[in-house]
Amino acid sequence: MTTATEDEARRIAEILVNQRKAACVNIVPRVNSLFWWEGKLDSAQESLLIIKARSSKLKEITELVKKTHSYEVPEIIALPIIGGSEDYLRRLKGSQ
């Protein structure tokens, strides 16, 4: 997910982690995004959130983001985890 500002990214991340909807959220400030919006190529400097959560939390996360995000259409996508450190994956499961 991207946000307009780093402050917005931190606010959303804190809500997600405090409410245990996400085990961890990484915030990557100042990413440059290029996209089509209202029929023209646009660009923006945004903050990127990488939200680590169980798939069972996706609906709750989506609802929360739609209520709190400043964008009309926030980027909400889910990517499958196809592998990784078993220790880390166990920790993720235990954090929510």
N, C-alpha and C. Protein backbone atom coordinates (compact mmCIF):
# COMPACT_ATOMS: atom_id res chain seq x y z
N MET A 1 0.84 -1.16 0.00
CA MET A 1 0.00 0.00 0.00
C MET A 1 0.89 1.23 0.00
N THR A 2 0.44 2.28 -0.68
CA THR A 2 1.15 3.55 -0.63
C THR A 2 0.28 4.59 0.05
N THR A 3 0.94 5.60 0.63
CA THR A 3 0.24 6.72 1.25
C THR A 3 0.85 8.02 0.76
N ALA A 4 0.11 9.10 0.93
CA ALA A 4 0.57 10.41 0.47
C ALA A 4 1.74 10.93 1.29
N THR A 5 1.79 10.58 2.58
CA THR A 5 2.84 11.10 3.45
C THR A 5 3.36 10.01 4.38
N GLU A 6 4.53 10.26 4.93
CA GLU A 6 5.09 9.33 5.90
C GLU A 6 4.26 9.32 7.19
N ASP A 7 3.72 10.47 7.57
CA ASP A 7 2.87 10.54 8.77
C ASP A 7 1.63 9.67 8.62
N GLU A 8 1.01 9.72 7.44
CA GLU A 8 -0.16 8.88 7.20
C GLU A 8 0.23 7.40 7.24
N ALA A 9 1.38 7.07 6.67
CA ALA A 9 1.86 5.69 6.69
C ALA A 9 2.04 5.20 8.12
N ARG A 10 2.67 6.02 8.95
CA ARG A 10 2.91 5.65 10.35
C ARG A 10 1.58 5.49 11.11
N ARG A 11 0.65 6.40 10.86
CA ARG A 11 -0.65 6.33 11.55
C ARG A 11 -1.37 5.03 11.21
N ILE A 12 -1.44 4.70 9.93
CA ILE A 12 -2.11 3.46 9.51
C ILE A 12 -1.36 2.24 10.04
N ALA A 13 -0.04 2.25 9.97
CA ALA A 13 0.76 1.12 10.47
C ALA A 13 0.51 0.90 11.95
N GLU A 14 0.50 1.97 12.73
CA GLU A 14 0.29 1.83 14.18
C GLU A 14 -1.09 1.26 14.49
N ILE A 15 -2.11 1.69 13.76
CA ILE A 15 -3.45 1.14 13.97
C ILE A 15 -3.45 -0.36 13.66
N LEU A 16 -2.88 -0.74 12.52
CA LEU A 16 -2.89 -2.15 12.11
C LEU A 16 -2.16 -3.04 13.12
N VAL A 17 -1.02 -2.59 13.61
CA VAL A 17 -0.24 -3.41 14.55
C VAL A 17 -0.89 -3.39 15.94
N ASN A 18 -1.31 -2.21 16.41
CA ASN A 18 -1.94 -2.12 17.74
C ASN A 18 -3.21 -2.94 17.84
N GLN A 19 -3.97 -3.00 16.74
CA GLN A 19 -5.21 -3.79 16.73
C GLN A 19 -4.96 -5.25 16.35
N ARG A 20 -3.69 -5.61 16.19
CA ARG A 20 -3.27 -6.97 15.83
C ARG A 20 -3.88 -7.48 14.52
N LYS A 21 -4.13 -6.57 13.62
CA LYS A 21 -4.57 -6.96 12.29
C LYS A 21 -3.35 -7.33 11.44
N ALA A 22 -2.19 -6.78 11.79
CA ALA A 22 -0.93 -7.09 11.11
C ALA A 22 0.12 -7.44 12.16
N ALA A 23 0.98 -8.38 11.81
CA ALA A 23 2.07 -8.74 12.72
C ALA A 23 3.19 -7.72 12.64
N CYS A 24 3.37 -7.14 11.46
CA CYS A 24 4.47 -6.19 11.23
C CYS A 24 4.11 -5.33 10.02
N VAL A 25 4.52 -4.07 10.06
CA VAL A 25 4.37 -3.19 8.90
C VAL A 25 5.70 -2.48 8.69
N ASN A 26 6.25 -2.61 7.49
CA ASN A 26 7.45 -1.86 7.11
C ASN A 26 7.00 -0.59 6.40
N ILE A 27 7.65 0.52 6.72
CA ILE A 27 7.38 1.79 6.05
C ILE A 27 8.62 2.18 5.26
N VAL A 28 8.45 2.33 3.96
CA VAL A 28 9.54 2.77 3.09
C VAL A 28 9.17 4.18 2.63
N PRO A 29 9.84 5.20 3.18
CA PRO A 29 9.49 6.58 2.81
C PRO A 29 10.05 6.96 1.44
N ARG A 30 9.39 7.93 0.83
CA ARG A 30 9.89 8.56 -0.39
C ARG A 30 10.12 7.61 -1.56
N VAL A 31 9.11 6.86 -1.92
CA VAL A 31 9.18 6.08 -3.16
C VAL A 31 8.53 6.92 -4.26
N ASN A 32 9.04 6.79 -5.47
CA ASN A 32 8.47 7.51 -6.60
C ASN A 32 7.53 6.59 -7.35
N SER A 33 6.30 7.01 -7.52
CA SER A 33 5.29 6.20 -8.19
C SER A 33 4.84 6.88 -9.48
N LEU A 34 4.70 6.08 -10.53
CA LEU A 34 4.13 6.53 -11.81
C LEU A 34 2.86 5.73 -12.05
N PHE A 35 1.78 6.40 -12.48
CA PHE A 35 0.50 5.71 -12.63
C PHE A 35 -0.42 6.52 -13.53
N TRP A 36 -1.43 5.83 -14.06
CA TRP A 36 -2.48 6.51 -14.82
C TRP A 36 -3.56 6.93 -13.84
N TRP A 37 -3.97 8.20 -13.94
CA TRP A 37 -5.05 8.70 -13.09
C TRP A 37 -5.87 9.71 -13.89
N GLU A 38 -7.16 9.45 -13.97
CA GLU A 38 -8.09 10.33 -14.69
C GLU A 38 -7.62 10.60 -16.11
N GLY A 39 -7.18 9.53 -16.78
CA GLY A 39 -6.84 9.60 -18.19
C GLY A 39 -5.48 10.16 -18.55
N LYS A 40 -4.64 10.42 -17.54
CA LYS A 40 -3.31 10.93 -17.87
C LYS A 40 -2.25 10.30 -16.97
N LEU A 41 -1.03 10.31 -17.48
CA LEU A 41 0.10 9.79 -16.71
C LEU A 41 0.41 10.77 -15.60
N ASP A 42 0.52 10.26 -14.39
CA ASP A 42 0.78 11.10 -13.22
C ASP A 42 1.92 10.48 -12.43
N SER A 43 2.46 11.24 -11.50
CA SER A 43 3.51 10.72 -10.63
C SER A 43 3.36 11.36 -9.26
N ALA A 44 3.91 10.68 -8.26
CA ALA A 44 3.85 11.20 -6.90
C ALA A 44 4.97 10.60 -6.08
N GLN A 45 5.41 11.34 -5.09
CA GLN A 45 6.33 10.79 -4.10
C GLN A 45 5.46 10.32 -2.94
N GLU A 46 5.57 9.05 -2.60
CA GLU A 46 4.70 8.45 -1.60
C GLU A 46 5.53 7.67 -0.59
N SER A 47 4.85 7.17 0.43
CA SER A 47 5.45 6.20 1.35
C SER A 47 4.81 4.85 1.06
N LEU A 48 5.61 3.81 1.11
CA LEU A 48 5.16 2.45 0.83
C LEU A 48 5.05 1.67 2.13
N LEU A 49 3.92 1.03 2.35
CA LEU A 49 3.75 0.14 3.50
C LEU A 49 3.76 -1.29 3.01
N ILE A 50 4.56 -2.12 3.64
CA ILE A 50 4.55 -3.56 3.40
C ILE A 50 3.93 -4.16 4.66
N ILE A 51 2.71 -4.65 4.52
CA ILE A 51 1.94 -5.13 5.66
C ILE A 51 2.03 -6.65 5.69
N LYS A 52 2.53 -7.18 6.79
CA LYS A 52 2.67 -8.63 6.94
C LYS A 52 1.56 -9.11 7.85
N ALA A 53 0.65 -9.88 7.26
CA ALA A 53 -0.53 -10.33 7.99
C ALA A 53 -1.03 -11.64 7.42
N ARG A 54 -1.82 -12.32 8.22
CA ARG A 54 -2.45 -13.55 7.75
C ARG A 54 -3.54 -13.22 6.73
N SER A 55 -3.76 -14.11 5.80
CA SER A 55 -4.79 -13.88 4.78
C SER A 55 -6.17 -13.75 5.42
N SER A 56 -6.36 -14.37 6.56
CA SER A 56 -7.66 -14.28 7.25
C SER A 56 -7.95 -12.86 7.76
N LYS A 57 -6.94 -12.01 7.79
CA LYS A 57 -7.10 -10.62 8.25
C LYS A 57 -7.34 -9.64 7.10
N LEU A 58 -7.29 -10.12 5.86
CA LEU A 58 -7.36 -9.23 4.70
C LEU A 58 -8.63 -8.38 4.68
N LYS A 59 -9.77 -8.99 4.95
CA LYS A 59 -11.03 -8.24 4.91
C LYS A 59 -11.02 -7.12 5.96
N GLU A 60 -10.57 -7.43 7.17
CA GLU A 60 -10.51 -6.41 8.23
C GLU A 60 -9.54 -5.29 7.86
N ILE A 61 -8.40 -5.66 7.32
CA ILE A 61 -7.40 -4.66 6.92
C ILE A 61 -7.97 -3.77 5.82
N THR A 62 -8.61 -4.38 4.84
CA THR A 62 -9.20 -3.62 3.73
C THR A 62 -10.23 -2.62 4.24
N GLU A 63 -11.11 -3.06 5.13
CA GLU A 63 -12.14 -2.17 5.68
C GLU A 63 -11.51 -1.01 6.45
N LEU A 64 -10.51 -1.31 7.27
CA LEU A 64 -9.85 -0.28 8.06
C LEU A 64 -9.16 0.74 7.16
N VAL A 65 -8.44 0.25 6.16
CA VAL A 65 -7.71 1.15 5.26
C VAL A 65 -8.68 2.04 4.50
N LYS A 66 -9.77 1.49 4.00
CA LYS A 66 -10.74 2.31 3.27
C LYS A 66 -11.31 3.42 4.14
N LYS A 67 -11.46 3.17 5.44
CA LYS A 67 -12.00 4.19 6.35
C LYS A 67 -10.98 5.26 6.72
N THR A 68 -9.69 4.90 6.75
CA THR A 68 -8.69 5.82 7.30
C THR A 68 -7.75 6.44 6.26
N HIS A 69 -7.74 5.91 5.05
CA HIS A 69 -6.78 6.36 4.03
C HIS A 69 -7.27 7.64 3.35
N SER A 70 -6.34 8.50 2.99
CA SER A 70 -6.69 9.77 2.34
C SER A 70 -6.99 9.62 0.84
N TYR A 71 -6.55 8.52 0.22
CA TYR A 71 -6.78 8.35 -1.21
C TYR A 71 -8.20 7.89 -1.48
N GLU A 72 -8.73 8.34 -2.62
CA GLU A 72 -10.06 7.90 -3.06
C GLU A 72 -10.05 6.39 -3.33
N VAL A 73 -8.97 5.91 -3.95
CA VAL A 73 -8.83 4.48 -4.25
C VAL A 73 -7.45 4.03 -3.77
N PRO A 74 -7.33 3.64 -2.49
CA PRO A 74 -6.02 3.20 -2.00
C PRO A 74 -5.63 1.85 -2.60
N GLU A 75 -4.33 1.67 -2.74
CA GLU A 75 -3.79 0.40 -3.24
C GLU A 75 -3.87 -0.62 -2.11
N ILE A 76 -4.71 -1.62 -2.29
CA ILE A 76 -4.81 -2.72 -1.32
C ILE A 76 -4.69 -4.00 -2.13
N ILE A 77 -3.55 -4.67 -2.01
CA ILE A 77 -3.33 -5.93 -2.72
C ILE A 77 -2.76 -6.94 -1.74
N ALA A 78 -2.98 -8.20 -2.03
CA ALA A 78 -2.43 -9.28 -1.21
C ALA A 78 -1.57 -10.17 -2.09
N LEU A 79 -0.39 -10.49 -1.60
CA LEU A 79 0.54 -11.35 -2.33
C LEU A 79 0.76 -12.62 -1.52
N PRO A 80 0.77 -13.77 -2.18
CA PRO A 80 0.99 -15.02 -1.44
C PRO A 80 2.44 -15.16 -1.00
N ILE A 81 2.63 -15.76 0.15
CA ILE A 81 3.97 -16.13 0.60
C ILE A 81 4.20 -17.57 0.14
N ILE A 82 5.18 -17.76 -0.71
CA ILE A 82 5.41 -19.10 -1.24
C ILE A 82 6.56 -19.81 -0.53
N GLY A 83 7.19 -19.13 0.39
CA GLY A 83 8.28 -19.72 1.15
C GLY A 83 8.94 -18.68 2.02
N GLY A 84 9.88 -19.15 2.83
CA GLY A 84 10.60 -18.24 3.71
C GLY A 84 11.14 -18.99 4.91
N SER A 85 11.79 -18.26 5.77
CA SER A 85 12.33 -18.83 7.00
C SER A 85 11.20 -19.37 7.87
N GLU A 86 11.26 -20.64 8.21
CA GLU A 86 10.22 -21.24 9.05
C GLU A 86 10.12 -20.53 10.39
N ASP A 87 11.26 -20.13 10.96
CA ASP A 87 11.24 -19.41 12.24
C ASP A 87 10.47 -18.10 12.10
N TYR A 88 10.73 -17.36 11.03
CA TYR A 88 10.05 -16.08 10.84
C TYR A 88 8.56 -16.29 10.59
N LEU A 89 8.21 -17.26 9.77
CA LEU A 89 6.80 -17.51 9.47
C LEU A 89 6.04 -17.92 10.73
N ARG A 90 6.68 -18.70 11.62
CA ARG A 90 6.06 -19.06 12.90
C ARG A 90 5.84 -17.81 13.76
N ARG A 91 6.84 -16.93 13.77
CA ARG A 91 6.72 -15.69 14.54
C ARG A 91 5.57 -14.83 14.02
N LEU A 92 5.43 -14.76 12.70
CA LEU A 92 4.32 -14.01 12.11
C LEU A 92 2.98 -14.56 12.58
N LYS A 93 2.83 -15.87 12.52
CA LYS A 93 1.57 -16.49 12.94
C LYS A 93 1.28 -16.23 14.40
N GLY A 94 2.31 -16.22 15.23
CA GLY A 94 2.12 -16.02 16.66
C GLY A 94 1.90 -14.58 17.06
N SER A 95 2.10 -13.64 16.15
CA SER A 95 1.99 -12.22 16.48
C SER A 95 0.59 -11.65 16.31
N GLN A 96 -0.31 -12.44 15.77
CA GLN A 96 -1.65 -11.88 15.50
C GLN A 96 -2.70 -12.57 16.32
